[in-house]
Structure formats: structure tokens, C-alpha cells
Amino acid sequence: MTLRHSGALPLCIVLMGVTQPAFAQPPADFAICAACHATQPGKSSFGPNLRGVVGRKAATLPGYAYSDALKASGITWNARTLDTWLTGPQAMVKGTRMPFAGLADPVRRQRLIAYLATLR
């Protein structure tokens, strides 16, 4: 019997805490995020800090002026919701102020999400 899985399986394992990839530095894909988002504890930037984003309810980081649409979304950030968000924020939450058109490549999105999951 051959076990087949999608490319999402390693990401699911990472987010369940079974294993964490070691990132000496953010993946190159993160440069698109780093243009507006900080990851260092206590640091802010144009967008909200992404440290601890996985597992956090959307629009709840203190000190950032989120859109009313994102505040009302009820989203909790996990692998599925982050993947949808990174595919197209405006399509996911009409009225968000995130000025990002989206990332079509699912492999790049998975790398970003795996990295975000390490930022605790």
C-alpha cells in the first residue's frame, strides 16, 4: 500500500507542533511581508507585528488600527486561514486595508506560513 499526500501534509505537521523547521533566517519569500511587517518582539511597522500571528484572532494585536472589516471577520489565523489570506486578502475580507494583491504560488505560501508558525 502506498500512502499519498498533498504538499500540505508537512505544513500540517509543522503547525500541529510535531516538528518545527529551523529557520536561521526568514525564507526569501518573507521579503514581501517584511516590507511592511516586523517580527521582532515589541517592534511595530506599517503593518501589524507578525510574531505570534498563528493562533491569534485577527485584528486583536494591541496598538494597531485595523479595518472594521477585519475586526468583524471572526478569523483566527491558522494554516488554512493564512493560506486563503495570502492568496488574496481583499477576496477573503472585503474592506480590509491590506495593500497586497496576493501570492498565487501555493509552495511559496506554505513556506511563509511555516515560517510564521515558528514566530512565537
PDB file of N, CA and C in Angstrom:
ATOM      1  N   MET A   1       0.843  -1.181   0.000  1.00  0.00           N
ATOM      2  CA  MET A   1       0.000   0.000   0.000  1.00  0.00           C
ATOM      3  C   MET A   1       0.882   1.236   0.000  1.00  0.00           C
ATOM      4  N   THR A   2       0.576   2.167  -0.879  1.00  0.00           N
ATOM      5  CA  THR A   2       1.322   3.415  -0.976  1.00  0.00           C
ATOM      6  C   THR A   2       0.507   4.537  -0.381  1.00  0.00           C
ATOM      7  N   LEU A   3       1.123   5.282   0.516  1.00  0.00           N
ATOM      8  CA  LEU A   3       0.465   6.432   1.129  1.00  0.00           C
ATOM      9  C   LEU A   3       0.785   7.664   0.303  1.00  0.00           C
ATOM     10  N   ARG A   4      -0.241   8.327  -0.160  1.00  0.00           N
ATOM     11  CA  ARG A   4      -0.058   9.550  -0.934  1.00  0.00           C
ATOM     12  C   ARG A   4      -0.602  10.716  -0.131  1.00  0.00           C
ATOM     13  N   HIS A   5       0.036  11.837  -0.281  1.00  0.00           N
ATOM     14  CA  HIS A   5      -0.436  13.038   0.416  1.00  0.00           C
ATOM     15  C   HIS A   5      -0.156  14.261  -0.423  1.00  0.00           C
ATOM     16  N   SER A   6      -0.865  15.300  -0.130  1.00  0.00           N
ATOM     17  CA  SER A   6      -0.625  16.573  -0.811  1.00  0.00           C
ATOM     18  C   SER A   6       0.578  17.236  -0.169  1.00  0.00           C
ATOM     19  N   GLY A   7       1.057  18.294  -0.789  1.00  0.00           N
ATOM     20  CA  GLY A   7       2.162  19.060  -0.232  1.00  0.00           C
ATOM     21  C   GLY A   7       1.800  19.735   1.075  1.00  0.00           C
ATOM     22  N   ALA A   8       0.530  19.756   1.426  1.00  0.00           N
ATOM     23  CA  ALA A   8       0.091  20.414   2.645  1.00  0.00           C
ATOM     24  C   ALA A   8       0.389  19.576   3.888  1.00  0.00           C
ATOM     25  N   LEU A   9       0.643  18.290   3.739  1.00  0.00           N
ATOM     26  CA  LEU A   9       0.865  17.442   4.908  1.00  0.00           C
ATOM     27  C   LEU A   9       2.039  17.920   5.758  1.00  0.00           C
ATOM     28  N   PRO A  10       3.222  18.194   5.166  1.00  0.00           N
ATOM     29  CA  PRO A  10       4.310  18.691   6.020  1.00  0.00           C
ATOM     30  C   PRO A  10       3.940  19.965   6.754  1.00  0.00           C
ATOM     31  N   LEU A  11       3.202  20.858   6.104  1.00  0.00           N
ATOM     32  CA  LEU A  11       2.771  22.093   6.760  1.00  0.00           C
ATOM     33  C   LEU A  11       1.852  21.790   7.928  1.00  0.00           C
ATOM     34  N   CYS A  12       0.927  20.846   7.753  1.00  0.00           N
ATOM     35  CA  CYS A  12       0.015  20.476   8.840  1.00  0.00           C
ATOM     36  C   CYS A  12       0.799  19.921  10.018  1.00  0.00           C
ATOM     37  N   ILE A  13       1.791  19.097   9.738  1.00  0.00           N
ATOM     38  CA  ILE A  13       2.612  18.522  10.808  1.00  0.00           C
ATOM     39  C   ILE A  13       3.344  19.630  11.548  1.00  0.00           C
ATOM     40  N   VAL A  14       3.885  20.599  10.813  1.00  0.00           N
ATOM     41  CA  VAL A  14       4.584  21.721  11.436  1.00  0.00           C
ATOM     42  C   VAL A  14       3.645  22.484  12.356  1.00  0.00           C
ATOM     43  N   LEU A  15       2.450  22.801  11.876  1.00  0.00           N
ATOM     44  CA  LEU A  15       1.534  23.613  12.658  1.00  0.00           C
ATOM     45  C   LEU A  15       0.937  22.855  13.832  1.00  0.00           C
ATOM     46  N   MET A  16       0.961  21.523  13.784  1.00  0.00           N
ATOM     47  CA  MET A  16       0.473  20.738  14.920  1.00  0.00           C
ATOM     48  C   MET A  16       1.551  20.626  15.995  1.00  0.00           C
ATOM     49  N   GLY A  17       2.746  21.102  15.695  1.00  0.00           N
ATOM     50  CA  GLY A  17       3.804  21.077  16.695  1.00  0.00           C
ATOM     51  C   GLY A  17       4.594  19.787  16.712  1.00  0.00           C
ATOM     52  N   VAL A  18       4.365  18.906  15.744  1.00  0.00           N
ATOM     53  CA  VAL A  18       5.108  17.654  15.706  1.00  0.00           C
ATOM     54  C   VAL A  18       6.562  17.934  15.383  1.00  0.00           C
ATOM     55  N   THR A  19       6.797  18.869  14.494  1.00  0.00           N
ATOM     56  CA  THR A  19       8.152  19.245  14.121  1.00  0.00           C
ATOM     57  C   THR A  19       8.144  20.715  13.745  1.00  0.00           C
ATOM     58  N   GLN A  20       9.248  21.366  13.919  1.00  0.00           N
ATOM     59  CA  GLN A  20       9.372  22.763  13.514  1.00  0.00           C
ATOM     60  C   GLN A  20      10.596  22.872  12.617  1.00  0.00           C
ATOM     61  N   PRO A  21      10.464  23.459  11.438  1.00  0.00           N
ATOM     62  CA  PRO A  21      11.648  23.655  10.609  1.00  0.00           C
ATOM     63  C   PRO A  21      12.547  24.690  11.266  1.00  0.00           C
ATOM     64  N   ALA A  22      13.823  24.534  11.069  1.00  0.00           N
ATOM     65  CA  ALA A  22      14.771  25.501  11.629  1.00  0.00           C
ATOM     66  C   ALA A  22      14.990  26.603  10.603  1.00  0.00           C
ATOM     67  N   PHE A  23      14.739  27.827  10.990  1.00  0.00           N
ATOM     68  CA  PHE A  23      14.962  28.970  10.117  1.00  0.00           C
ATOM     69  C   PHE A  23      16.040  29.830  10.748  1.00  0.00           C
ATOM     70  N   ALA A  24      17.265  29.751  10.226  1.00  0.00           N
ATOM     71  CA  ALA A  24      18.324  30.629  10.706  1.00  0.00           C
ATOM     72  C   ALA A  24      17.994  32.068  10.321  1.00  0.00           C
ATOM     73  N   GLN A  25      17.350  32.208   9.175  1.00  0.00           N
ATOM     74  CA  GLN A  25      16.888  33.496   8.680  1.00  0.00           C
ATOM     75  C   GLN A  25      15.512  33.270   8.065  1.00  0.00           C
ATOM     76  N   PRO A  26      14.737  34.322   7.920  1.00  0.00           N
ATOM     77  CA  PRO A  26      13.449  34.156   7.243  1.00  0.00           C
ATOM     78  C   PRO A  26      13.675  33.647   5.819  1.00  0.00           C
ATOM     79  N   PRO A  27      12.749  32.869   5.289  1.00  0.00           N
ATOM     80  CA  PRO A  27      12.895  32.444   3.890  1.00  0.00           C
ATOM     81  C   PRO A  27      12.842  33.667   2.972  1.00  0.00           C
ATOM     82  N   ALA A  28      13.443  33.556   1.801  1.00  0.00           N
ATOM     83  CA  ALA A  28      13.471  34.665   0.849  1.00  0.00           C
ATOM     84  C   ALA A  28      12.067  35.173   0.539  1.00  0.00           C
ATOM     85  N   ASP A  29      11.090  34.264   0.551  1.00  0.00           N
ATOM     86  CA  ASP A  29       9.704  34.643   0.273  1.00  0.00           C
ATOM     87  C   ASP A  29       9.179  35.673   1.272  1.00  0.00           C
ATOM     88  N   PHE A  30       9.757  35.714   2.462  1.00  0.00           N
ATOM     89  CA  PHE A  30       9.270  36.618   3.501  1.00  0.00           C
ATOM     90  C   PHE A  30       9.572  38.083   3.193  1.00  0.00           C
ATOM     91  N   ALA A  31      10.442  38.358   2.236  1.00  0.00           N
ATOM     92  CA  ALA A  31      10.783  39.748   1.904  1.00  0.00           C
ATOM     93  C   ALA A  31       9.539  40.555   1.535  1.00  0.00           C
ATOM     94  N   ILE A  32       8.560  39.920   0.898  1.00  0.00           N
ATOM     95  CA  ILE A  32       7.332  40.641   0.547  1.00  0.00           C
ATOM     96  C   ILE A  32       6.544  41.038   1.786  1.00  0.00           C
ATOM     97  N   CYS A  33       6.670  40.264   2.853  1.00  0.00           N
ATOM     98  CA  CYS A  33       5.991  40.578   4.114  1.00  0.00           C
ATOM     99  C   CYS A  33       6.798  41.601   4.925  1.00  0.00           C
ATOM    100  N   ALA A  34       8.111  41.388   4.936  1.00  0.00           N
ATOM    101  CA  ALA A  34       8.998  42.230   5.746  1.00  0.00           C
ATOM    102  C   ALA A  34       8.991  43.684   5.300  1.00  0.00           C
ATOM    103  N   ALA A  35       8.543  43.952   4.087  1.00  0.00           N
ATOM    104  CA  ALA A  35       8.458  45.334   3.625  1.00  0.00           C
ATOM    105  C   ALA A  35       7.515  46.152   4.507  1.00  0.00           C
ATOM    106  N   CYS A  36       6.519  45.502   5.111  1.00  0.00           N
ATOM    107  CA  CYS A  36       5.522  46.217   5.927  1.00  0.00           C
ATOM    108  C   CYS A  36       5.362  45.678   7.344  1.00  0.00           C
ATOM    109  N   HIS A  37       5.853  44.465   7.607  1.00  0.00           N
ATOM    110  CA  HIS A  37       5.607  43.814   8.894  1.00  0.00           C
ATOM    111  C   HIS A  37       6.899  43.505   9.633  1.00  0.00           C
ATOM    112  N   ALA A  38       6.917  43.793  10.927  1.00  0.00           N
ATOM    113  CA  ALA A  38       8.029  43.426  11.800  1.00  0.00           C
ATOM    114  C   ALA A  38       7.746  42.056  12.420  1.00  0.00           C
ATOM    115  N   THR A  39       8.800  41.413  12.894  1.00  0.00           N
ATOM    116  CA  THR A  39       8.652  40.139  13.609  1.00  0.00           C
ATOM    117  C   THR A  39       9.369  40.158  14.954  1.00  0.00           C
ATOM    118  N   GLN A  40      10.159  41.177  15.213  1.00  0.00           N
ATOM    119  CA  GLN A  40      10.863  41.273  16.477  1.00  0.00           C
ATOM    120  C   GLN A  40       9.877  41.662  17.569  1.00  0.00           C
ATOM    121  N   PRO A  41       9.994  41.038  18.745  1.00  0.00           N
ATOM    122  CA  PRO A  41       9.057  41.354  19.833  1.00  0.00           C
ATOM    123  C   PRO A  41       9.020  42.852  20.135  1.00  0.00           C
ATOM    124  N   GLY A  42       7.814  43.387  20.236  1.00  0.00           N
ATOM    125  CA  GLY A  42       7.621  44.777  20.617  1.00  0.00           C
ATOM    126  C   GLY A  42       7.834  45.793  19.516  1.00  0.00           C
ATOM    127  N   LYS A  43       8.288  45.368  18.358  1.00  0.00           N
ATOM    128  CA  LYS A  43       8.541  46.311  17.268  1.00  0.00           C
ATOM    129  C   LYS A  43       7.301  46.441  16.394  1.00  0.00           C
ATOM    130  N   SER A  44       7.032  47.652  15.952  1.00  0.00           N
ATOM    131  CA  SER A  44       5.906  47.866  15.052  1.00  0.00           C
ATOM    132  C   SER A  44       6.425  48.423  13.740  1.00  0.00           C
ATOM    133  N   SER A  45       5.592  48.366  12.740  1.00  0.00           N
ATOM    134  CA  SER A  45       5.944  48.827  11.411  1.00  0.00           C
ATOM    135  C   SER A  45       4.675  49.344  10.753  1.00  0.00           C
ATOM    136  N   PHE A  46       4.655  49.437   9.428  1.00  0.00           N
ATOM    137  CA  PHE A  46       3.465  49.888   8.714  1.00  0.00           C
ATOM    138  C   PHE A  46       2.286  48.961   8.973  1.00  0.00           C
ATOM    139  N   GLY A  47       2.533  47.656   8.963  1.00  0.00           N
ATOM    140  CA  GLY A  47       1.504  46.657   9.262  1.00  0.00           C
ATOM    141  C   GLY A  47       1.720  46.100  10.658  1.00  0.00           C
ATOM    142  N   PRO A  48       0.782  45.292  11.146  1.00  0.00           N
ATOM    143  CA  PRO A  48       0.930  44.726  12.492  1.00  0.00           C
ATOM    144  C   PRO A  48       2.091  43.740  12.573  1.00  0.00           C
ATOM    145  N   ASN A  49       2.653  43.613  13.759  1.00  0.00           N
ATOM    146  CA  ASN A  49       3.739  42.675  14.006  1.00  0.00           C
ATOM    147  C   ASN A  49       3.226  41.249  13.795  1.00  0.00           C
ATOM    148  N   LEU A  50       4.020  40.418  13.136  1.00  0.00           N
ATOM    149  CA  LEU A  50       3.593  39.057  12.822  1.00  0.00           C
ATOM    150  C   LEU A  50       4.059  38.013  13.830  1.00  0.00           C
ATOM    151  N   ARG A  51       4.810  38.413  14.839  1.00  0.00           N
ATOM    152  CA  ARG A  51       5.220  37.443  15.860  1.00  0.00           C
ATOM    153  C   ARG A  51       3.979  36.958  16.594  1.00  0.00           C
ATOM    154  N   GLY A  52       3.810  35.648  16.656  1.00  0.00           N
ATOM    155  CA  GLY A  52       2.669  35.060  17.349  1.00  0.00           C
ATOM    156  C   GLY A  52       1.369  35.112  16.569  1.00  0.00           C
ATOM    157  N   VAL A  53       1.442  35.391  15.273  1.00  0.00           N
ATOM    158  CA  VAL A  53       0.206  35.517  14.489  1.00  0.00           C
ATOM    159  C   VAL A  53      -0.545  34.190  14.391  1.00  0.00           C
ATOM    160  N   VAL A  54       0.166  33.070  14.278  1.00  0.00           N
ATOM    161  CA  VAL A  54      -0.512  31.778  14.175  1.00  0.00           C
ATOM    162  C   VAL A  54      -1.187  31.465  15.511  1.00  0.00           C
ATOM    163  N   GLY A  55      -2.491  31.281  15.457  1.00  0.00           N
ATOM    164  CA  GLY A  55      -3.283  31.034  16.660  1.00  0.00           C
ATOM    165  C   GLY A  55      -3.960  32.273  17.212  1.00  0.00           C
ATOM    166  N   ARG A  56      -3.595  33.428  16.702  1.00  0.00           N
ATOM    167  CA  ARG A  56      -4.162  34.692  17.188  1.00  0.00           C
ATOM    168  C   ARG A  56      -5.430  35.035  16.401  1.00  0.00           C
ATOM    169  N   LYS A  57      -6.393  35.614  17.079  1.00  0.00           N
ATOM    170  CA  LYS A  57      -7.597  36.102  16.418  1.00  0.00           C
ATOM    171  C   LYS A  57      -7.217  37.354  15.625  1.00  0.00           C
ATOM    172  N   ALA A  58      -7.730  37.452  14.410  1.00  0.00           N
ATOM    173  CA  ALA A  58      -7.418  38.589  13.537  1.00  0.00           C
ATOM    174  C   ALA A  58      -7.831  39.902  14.184  1.00  0.00           C
ATOM    175  N   ALA A  59      -7.021  40.910  13.936  1.00  0.00           N
ATOM    176  CA  ALA A  59      -7.304  42.287  14.358  1.00  0.00           C
ATOM    177  C   ALA A  59      -7.345  42.470  15.867  1.00  0.00           C
ATOM    178  N   THR A  60      -6.520  41.710  16.586  1.00  0.00           N
ATOM    179  CA  THR A  60      -6.523  41.821  18.049  1.00  0.00           C
ATOM    180  C   THR A  60      -5.186  42.246  18.643  1.00  0.00           C
ATOM    181  N   LEU A  61      -4.167  42.451  17.829  1.00  0.00           N
ATOM    182  CA  LEU A  61      -2.884  42.882  18.373  1.00  0.00           C
ATOM    183  C   LEU A  61      -3.019  44.323  18.851  1.00  0.00           C
ATOM    184  N   PRO A  62      -2.788  44.583  20.118  1.00  0.00           N
ATOM    185  CA  PRO A  62      -2.952  45.947  20.646  1.00  0.00           C
ATOM    186  C   PRO A  62      -2.027  46.946  19.950  1.00  0.00           C
ATOM    187  N   GLY A  63      -2.548  48.148  19.763  1.00  0.00           N
ATOM    188  CA  GLY A  63      -1.744  49.223  19.226  1.00  0.00           C
ATOM    189  C   GLY A  63      -1.755  49.360  17.713  1.00  0.00           C
ATOM    190  N   TYR A  64      -2.539  48.544  17.019  1.00  0.00           N
ATOM    191  CA  TYR A  64      -2.619  48.660  15.564  1.00  0.00           C
ATOM    192  C   TYR A  64      -4.049  49.008  15.167  1.00  0.00           C
ATOM    193  N   ALA A  65      -4.195  49.925  14.230  1.00  0.00           N
ATOM    194  CA  ALA A  65      -5.525  50.384  13.783  1.00  0.00           C
ATOM    195  C   ALA A  65      -6.025  49.514  12.629  1.00  0.00           C
ATOM    196  N   TYR A  66      -6.661  48.420  12.960  1.00  0.00           N
ATOM    197  CA  TYR A  66      -7.199  47.501  11.955  1.00  0.00           C
ATOM    198  C   TYR A  66      -8.468  48.068  11.333  1.00  0.00           C
ATOM    199  N   SER A  67      -8.783  47.579  10.128  1.00  0.00           N
ATOM    200  CA  SER A  67     -10.032  47.965   9.467  1.00  0.00           C
ATOM    201  C   SER A  67     -11.209  47.368  10.227  1.00  0.00           C
ATOM    202  N   ASP A  68     -12.348  48.022  10.131  1.00  0.00           N
ATOM    203  CA  ASP A  68     -13.566  47.482  10.745  1.00  0.00           C
ATOM    204  C   ASP A  68     -13.904  46.120  10.156  1.00  0.00           C
ATOM    205  N   ALA A  69     -13.637  45.952   8.860  1.00  0.00           N
ATOM    206  CA  ALA A  69     -13.936  44.672   8.197  1.00  0.00           C
ATOM    207  C   ALA A  69     -13.133  43.535   8.811  1.00  0.00           C
ATOM    208  N   LEU A  70     -11.852  43.744   9.054  1.00  0.00           N
ATOM    209  CA  LEU A  70     -11.034  42.687   9.644  1.00  0.00           C
ATOM    210  C   LEU A  70     -11.424  42.444  11.103  1.00  0.00           C
ATOM    211  N   LYS A  71     -11.732  43.510  11.825  1.00  0.00           N
ATOM    212  CA  LYS A  71     -12.179  43.359  13.214  1.00  0.00           C
ATOM    213  C   LYS A  71     -13.437  42.502  13.300  1.00  0.00           C
ATOM    214  N   ALA A  72     -14.325  42.650  12.346  1.00  0.00           N
ATOM    215  CA  ALA A  72     -15.599  41.926  12.353  1.00  0.00           C
ATOM    216  C   ALA A  72     -15.512  40.544  11.703  1.00  0.00           C
ATOM    217  N   SER A  73     -14.353  40.183  11.179  1.00  0.00           N
ATOM    218  CA  SER A  73     -14.224  38.949  10.400  1.00  0.00           C
ATOM    219  C   SER A  73     -14.366  37.666  11.213  1.00  0.00           C
ATOM    220  N   GLY A  74     -13.986  37.699  12.480  1.00  0.00           N
ATOM    221  CA  GLY A  74     -14.043  36.485  13.297  1.00  0.00           C
ATOM    222  C   GLY A  74     -12.972  35.462  12.959  1.00  0.00           C
ATOM    223  N   ILE A  75     -11.996  35.833  12.176  1.00  0.00           N
ATOM    224  CA  ILE A  75     -10.936  34.915  11.736  1.00  0.00           C
ATOM    225  C   ILE A  75      -9.955  34.653  12.867  1.00  0.00           C
ATOM    226  N   THR A  76      -9.533  33.415  12.981  1.00  0.00           N
ATOM    227  CA  THR A  76      -8.377  33.052  13.799  1.00  0.00           C
ATOM    228  C   THR A  76      -7.333  32.533  12.826  1.00  0.00           C
ATOM    229  N   TRP A  77      -6.111  33.030  12.943  1.00  0.00           N
ATOM    230  CA  TRP A  77      -5.063  32.682  11.983  1.00  0.00           C
ATOM    231  C   TRP A  77      -4.524  31.282  12.240  1.00  0.00           C
ATOM    232  N   ASN A  78      -4.673  30.444  11.230  1.00  0.00           N
ATOM    233  CA  ASN A  78      -4.123  29.085  11.231  1.00  0.00           C
ATOM    234  C   ASN A  78      -3.668  28.796   9.801  1.00  0.00           C
ATOM    235  N   ALA A  79      -3.199  27.589   9.523  1.00  0.00           N
ATOM    236  CA  ALA A  79      -2.678  27.271   8.190  1.00  0.00           C
ATOM    237  C   ALA A  79      -3.716  27.538   7.111  1.00  0.00           C
ATOM    238  N   ARG A  80      -4.937  27.157   7.333  1.00  0.00           N
ATOM    239  CA  ARG A  80      -5.985  27.320   6.318  1.00  0.00           C
ATOM    240  C   ARG A  80      -6.325  28.782   6.096  1.00  0.00           C
ATOM    241  N   THR A  81      -6.548  29.524   7.182  1.00  0.00           N
ATOM    242  CA  THR A  81      -6.948  30.923   7.019  1.00  0.00           C
ATOM    243  C   THR A  81      -5.792  31.775   6.482  1.00  0.00           C
ATOM    244  N   LEU A  82      -4.573  31.493   6.918  1.00  0.00           N
ATOM    245  CA  LEU A  82      -3.429  32.229   6.386  1.00  0.00           C
ATOM    246  C   LEU A  82      -3.226  31.938   4.903  1.00  0.00           C
ATOM    247  N   ASP A  83      -3.435  30.695   4.498  1.00  0.00           N
ATOM    248  CA  ASP A  83      -3.298  30.355   3.086  1.00  0.00           C
ATOM    249  C   ASP A  83      -4.318  31.127   2.245  1.00  0.00           C
ATOM    250  N   THR A  84      -5.547  31.179   2.716  1.00  0.00           N
ATOM    251  CA  THR A  84      -6.587  31.925   1.997  1.00  0.00           C
ATOM    252  C   THR A  84      -6.242  33.413   1.971  1.00  0.00           C
ATOM    253  N   TRP A  85      -5.815  33.955   3.104  1.00  0.00           N
ATOM    254  CA  TRP A  85      -5.451  35.370   3.215  1.00  0.00           C
ATOM    255  C   TRP A  85      -4.307  35.709   2.263  1.00  0.00           C
ATOM    256  N   LEU A  86      -3.269  34.886   2.263  1.00  0.00           N
ATOM    257  CA  LEU A  86      -2.114  35.162   1.411  1.00  0.00           C
ATOM    258  C   LEU A  86      -2.430  34.991  -0.072  1.00  0.00           C
ATOM    259  N   THR A  87      -3.463  34.229  -0.376  1.00  0.00           N
ATOM    260  CA  THR A  87      -3.893  34.089  -1.766  1.00  0.00           C
ATOM    261  C   THR A  87      -4.530  35.381  -2.253  1.00  0.00           C
ATOM    262  N   GLY A  88      -5.278  36.047  -1.384  1.00  0.00           N
ATOM    263  CA  GLY A  88      -5.920  37.308  -1.760  1.00  0.00           C
ATOM    264  C   GLY A  88      -6.651  37.914  -0.585  1.00  0.00           C
ATOM    265  N   PRO A  89      -6.004  38.805   0.159  1.00  0.00           N
ATOM    266  CA  PRO A  89      -6.629  39.393   1.348  1.00  0.00           C
ATOM    267  C   PRO A  89      -7.975  40.077   1.075  1.00  0.00           C
ATOM    268  N   GLN A  90      -8.060  40.837  -0.018  1.00  0.00           N
ATOM    269  CA  GLN A  90      -9.301  41.550  -0.306  1.00  0.00           C
ATOM    270  C   GLN A  90     -10.436  40.600  -0.689  1.00  0.00           C
ATOM    271  N   ALA A  91     -10.090  39.470  -1.291  1.00  0.00           N
ATOM    272  CA  ALA A  91     -11.114  38.478  -1.624  1.00  0.00           C
ATOM    273  C   ALA A  91     -11.626  37.791  -0.360  1.00  0.00           C
ATOM    274  N   MET A  92     -10.756  37.622   0.631  1.00  0.00           N
ATOM    275  CA  MET A  92     -11.146  36.954   1.875  1.00  0.00           C
ATOM    276  C   MET A  92     -11.951  37.879   2.777  1.00  0.00           C
ATOM    277  N   VAL A  93     -11.513  39.127   2.902  1.00  0.00           N
ATOM    278  CA  VAL A  93     -12.170  40.100   3.781  1.00  0.00           C
ATOM    279  C   VAL A  93     -12.387  41.384   2.994  1.00  0.00           C
ATOM    280  N   LYS A  94     -13.575  41.524   2.471  1.00  0.00           N
ATOM    281  CA  LYS A  94     -13.913  42.757   1.737  1.00  0.00           C
ATOM    282  C   LYS A  94     -13.795  43.941   2.688  1.00  0.00           C
ATOM    283  N   GLY A  95     -13.050  44.956   2.270  1.00  0.00           N
ATOM    284  CA  GLY A  95     -12.897  46.144   3.100  1.00  0.00           C
ATOM    285  C   GLY A  95     -11.619  46.165   3.920  1.00  0.00           C
ATOM    286  N   THR A  96     -10.783  45.119   3.820  1.00  0.00           N
ATOM    287  CA  THR A  96      -9.509  45.163   4.528  1.00  0.00           C
ATOM    288  C   THR A  96      -8.628  46.231   3.901  1.00  0.00           C
ATOM    289  N   ARG A  97      -7.711  46.760   4.693  1.00  0.00           N
ATOM    290  CA  ARG A  97      -6.801  47.789   4.182  1.00  0.00           C
ATOM    291  C   ARG A  97      -5.451  47.216   3.768  1.00  0.00           C
ATOM    292  N   MET A  98      -5.309  45.907   3.808  1.00  0.00           N
ATOM    293  CA  MET A  98      -4.023  45.296   3.453  1.00  0.00           C
ATOM    294  C   MET A  98      -3.745  45.520   1.965  1.00  0.00           C
ATOM    295  N   PRO A  99      -2.690  46.288   1.652  1.00  0.00           N
ATOM    296  CA  PRO A  99      -2.398  46.606   0.250  1.00  0.00           C
ATOM    297  C   PRO A  99      -1.521  45.540  -0.406  1.00  0.00           C
ATOM    298  N   PHE A 100      -2.021  44.337  -0.494  1.00  0.00           N
ATOM    299  CA  PHE A 100      -1.269  43.202  -1.042  1.00  0.00           C
ATOM    300  C   PHE A 100      -2.200  42.450  -1.975  1.00  0.00           C
ATOM    301  N   ALA A 101      -1.777  42.274  -3.205  1.00  0.00           N
ATOM    302  CA  ALA A 101      -2.629  41.640  -4.221  1.00  0.00           C
ATOM    303  C   ALA A 101      -2.781  40.135  -4.015  1.00  0.00           C
ATOM    304  N   GLY A 102      -1.843  39.525  -3.313  1.00  0.00           N
ATOM    305  CA  GLY A 102      -1.915  38.088  -3.083  1.00  0.00           C
ATOM    306  C   GLY A 102      -0.729  37.370  -3.702  1.00  0.00           C
ATOM    307  N   LEU A 103      -0.571  36.130  -3.319  1.00  0.00           N
ATOM    308  CA  LEU A 103       0.532  35.295  -3.763  1.00  0.00           C
ATOM    309  C   LEU A 103      -0.065  34.024  -4.348  1.00  0.00           C
ATOM    310  N   ALA A 104       0.052  33.845  -5.644  1.00  0.00           N
ATOM    311  CA  ALA A 104      -0.594  32.725  -6.333  1.00  0.00           C
ATOM    312  C   ALA A 104       0.079  31.377  -6.068  1.00  0.00           C
ATOM    313  N   ASP A 105       1.377  31.362  -5.842  1.00  0.00           N
ATOM    314  CA  ASP A 105       2.134  30.113  -5.718  1.00  0.00           C
ATOM    315  C   ASP A 105       1.897  29.447  -4.355  1.00  0.00           C
ATOM    316  N   PRO A 106       1.235  28.277  -4.329  1.00  0.00           N
ATOM    317  CA  PRO A 106       0.946  27.618  -3.044  1.00  0.00           C
ATOM    318  C   PRO A 106       2.200  27.168  -2.302  1.00  0.00           C
ATOM    319  N   VAL A 107       3.267  26.848  -2.997  1.00  0.00           N
ATOM    320  CA  VAL A 107       4.511  26.433  -2.334  1.00  0.00           C
ATOM    321  C   VAL A 107       5.108  27.615  -1.578  1.00  0.00           C
ATOM    322  N   ARG A 108       5.104  28.775  -2.199  1.00  0.00           N
ATOM    323  CA  ARG A 108       5.617  29.973  -1.521  1.00  0.00           C
ATOM    324  C   ARG A 108       4.756  30.319  -0.312  1.00  0.00           C
ATOM    325  N   ARG A 109       3.430  30.196  -0.461  1.00  0.00           N
ATOM    326  CA  ARG A 109       2.541  30.467   0.678  1.00  0.00           C
ATOM    327  C   ARG A 109       2.840  29.499   1.818  1.00  0.00           C
ATOM    328  N   GLN A 110       3.047  28.225   1.520  1.00  0.00           N
ATOM    329  CA  GLN A 110       3.338  27.241   2.561  1.00  0.00           C
ATOM    330  C   GLN A 110       4.634  27.565   3.291  1.00  0.00           C
ATOM    331  N   ARG A 111       5.650  28.011   2.541  1.00  0.00           N
ATOM    332  CA  ARG A 111       6.918  28.393   3.194  1.00  0.00           C
ATOM    333  C   ARG A 111       6.700  29.570   4.140  1.00  0.00           C
ATOM    334  N   LEU A 112       5.922  30.549   3.704  1.00  0.00           N
ATOM    335  CA  LEU A 112       5.639  31.701   4.564  1.00  0.00           C
ATOM    336  C   LEU A 112       4.893  31.281   5.826  1.00  0.00           C
ATOM    337  N   ILE A 113       3.895  30.444   5.666  1.00  0.00           N
ATOM    338  CA  ILE A 113       3.092  30.004   6.811  1.00  0.00           C
ATOM    339  C   ILE A 113       3.943  29.175   7.764  1.00  0.00           C
ATOM    340  N   ALA A 114       4.794  28.305   7.238  1.00  0.00           N
ATOM    341  CA  ALA A 114       5.680  27.506   8.098  1.00  0.00           C
ATOM    342  C   ALA A 114       6.608  28.417   8.894  1.00  0.00           C
ATOM    343  N   TYR A 115       7.117  29.464   8.255  1.00  0.00           N
ATOM    344  CA  TYR A 115       7.975  30.420   8.947  1.00  0.00           C
ATOM    345  C   TYR A 115       7.176  31.164  10.029  1.00  0.00           C
ATOM    346  N   LEU A 116       6.010  31.651   9.678  1.00  0.00           N
ATOM    347  CA  LEU A 116       5.173  32.373  10.657  1.00  0.00           C
ATOM    348  C   LEU A 116       4.880  31.508  11.876  1.00  0.00           C
ATOM    349  N   ALA A 117       4.712  30.202  11.656  1.00  0.00           N
ATOM    350  CA  ALA A 117       4.415  29.289  12.762  1.00  0.00           C
ATOM    351  C   ALA A 117       5.574  29.183  13.753  1.00  0.00           C
ATOM    352  N   THR A 118       6.776  29.527  13.323  1.00  0.00           N
ATOM    353  CA  THR A 118       7.932  29.460  14.231  1.00  0.00           C
ATOM    354  C   THR A 118       8.074  30.712  15.086  1.00  0.00           C
ATOM    355  N   LEU A 119       7.361  31.756  14.742  1.00  0.00           N
ATOM    356  CA  LEU A 119       7.485  33.048  15.444  1.00  0.00           C
ATOM    357  C   LEU A 119       6.575  33.075  16.653  1.00  0.00           C
ATOM    358  N   ARG A 120       7.048  32.600  17.755  1.00  0.00           N
ATOM    359  CA  ARG A 120       6.234  32.525  18.976  1.00  0.00           C
ATOM    360  C   ARG A 120       6.663  33.546  19.989  1.00  0.00           C
TER     361      ARG A 120
END
